[in-house]
Amino acid sequence: MQITHSLRDYGFERWAGLLTWFMLAAMSLALTTERDGFAWFSPLWLVTAALFVLFIVAFSFATSDERLPGEPHSRYFLLALQLGCVYGLFWLLPFNFIAVLITMWCAQLPYFVTVRTSIIIALLVSLPQALIFQLHWGHSGAWLTALLFWAFHLFAILMMASQLRESLARQREEATNRELRATQALLSEANKQQERTRIARNIHDLLGHHLTALTIQLQVAERKSEGEVKGLLQQSQSIAKLLLADVREAVTEIRSASALPLQKILQELVYEVPGKRVVFSIPDGLHVRQMEVADAVLRIIQEGITNFMRHSKGDTLEVCVQQVADELVLELRDNGHVSDAIISNNGLRGMQERVAQLGGTFTLTTESGLRIALRLPMEEQCQ
């Protein structure tokens, strides 16, 4: 099963685990000196100390926010290494309280597998503990002790699973809020676009109509006049033509200003989380006149970010938007390994349907991570 979370919210609990390990290791190493063959810095003492150190090193890397080479297998290996260190300590030391390290180990399981599977695994890993302490150390209550510690493991699993659910719920809420803000920005700009278009249309239809009529009337009056009056009418006609040209230029500017600014809209989606980041590349002056195109770009990028956060094993998603000739070009580049589940999910099919409805082209490649490229036809843009 793939890791569904990068342990990025494993903060205070992680530090609590480090403190627990330190106290446990210090107490155990101090008590070992009272046993035969475990004098300070003797070979057996050094082996015991090395197992404690190896455990905490593996724990630190396994719970790290940083992306590890060969994920997710490297984290599984670190998890197995921790468990091996604990069993080695069980074999070397007759102290039942070392099982607290198993509790620390079990607390990591909800980040890798389901809660039900974590509980079963916690029960299974407690069996070697009981066998070692009963058969190797001769503890008569080894099975009861293992059962009691399994209860502690169960508590740790449920607590960490609860925190994981809350963390994922916060992430979903934050993602929803970002999408709502982006949608609000799109609607706000669309309303402004409609209002500018309405004003431009009114100016063109009313003022332009009257100025055209005035120019025609001046031409008629000019033909019927003579002398100084004719010269004045010619001047008036020239002024009316200039005014009509100014009106048309103003209408054109208003219509140009009514285009939707993509960068302003899409910047609401920009965010970073530990271990993953989304990088946008959008020219400052890129605008879109068509509401349908802007909405499609927004929804496609939202879906791309959602897929990246939920399914990708990569750490960077590049979002590039640019205009090439009369087309809007959008590229989503994910540097993570691609699984068949991502390629065939409903989100990608929804992207393809949106692009097809607008008469665009959709391309998906998986040679070096997931790469989505699409082209959408645009009206004449102002840049």
Foldseek 3Di string as FASTA:
>chain_A
DAQQDLLQVCPPVLVVVVVVLVVVLVVQLVVQCVDPQSNPPGPLSVLLNVLSVLLNVLVCVLNDLAFDPPPPVSSVVSLVSNLVSLLVNLLSDLDLVSCVSVLVSLLCVVRGDPLVVSLVVLLVSLVSQLCCNCVVVNDPCSVVSSVVSSVSSNVSNVVSNVVVVVVVVVVVVLLVVLLVQLVVLLVVLLVLLVVLLVVLVCLCVPVLVVLVVVLVVLVVVLVVDDDPVNVVSVVVSVVSVVVSVVSVVVSVVSNQVSFAQLVVSCVSNADAGRQAGEAEAEDRQDTARDSLVSVLVSLLVSLLVVCCSRPFSARYWYWYWDDDDQKIKIKIFGQGQDDPCSVPDPSVVVNVVSQVVQVKDWDWDGPRHTMIMIIGGGDDHDD
